[in-house]
Amino acid sequence: MFTPVGQDCLDQLFLQARSHNGWADDPVGEDLIRRLYEVLKFGPTSANASPARFVFLTSEAGKQRLAPHVSDGNRPKMLQAPCTVIIGHDLDFPPTLTRLFPHDPTAPSWFADPAVAAYEAMRSGTLQGGYLLLAARALGLETGPMGGFNRDAVDQEFFAGTNVKSNFLCSLGKGTDHRLFPRLPRLDFDEACRIV
């Protein structure tokens, strides 16, 4: 059993962490990106399916490929960020279950229906995108998750020839106070939760 983490950890992951819109020039290097993946990949997914696929854009050329497909409001901050990740999910994940869920060889058949596979890819892939945010914060990076982009165009640009579909974007790096909004309200427990 693990013991509860301290307040500093809760602050870094949730309570004081913010979604950033402005970025310092500090690069996000390949070693850190690889470490980030080595952490996030252990977050749970259904049947260990791990359908998320990540494209880390750190070069100017890579970011320029993404820029035309990002909304006007998101484009400047995406271009400024030292790294922006395209978080997608692979609709063709079921064959990997023979390796990722080896104790039950029937696992790929659970997702034989394309609609079931698509739903699971989106659900577990989105979970993995959330793990990316938390792992990045745990490793000292700040995050700027965003929608506001043309998914079909991004899929064509970055995932052509595959069955990977983009879900959302997330910028990573050292955030600045530029356009850092006051913390917005959240729903109270009784508005969002029930205990039965």
Foldseek 3Di string as FASTA:
>chain_A
DDDDDDPVLCCLQPVVAAAFQAADPDADDPVNVVVLCVQLLPPDAVLSLPFKDKDKDQDLVSLVLQQVFAAPVRNVSSNRFRIKMFIKGALPSLVCSCVRNVVDPCRSVVCPDSVSSVVRRVVRSVVSVSSSQSSLSVVPKGKHKDAGGHFVSVCCSPVPPGRITTDIMMGIHHHDCVPGDDDDDDDDCVVPDDDD
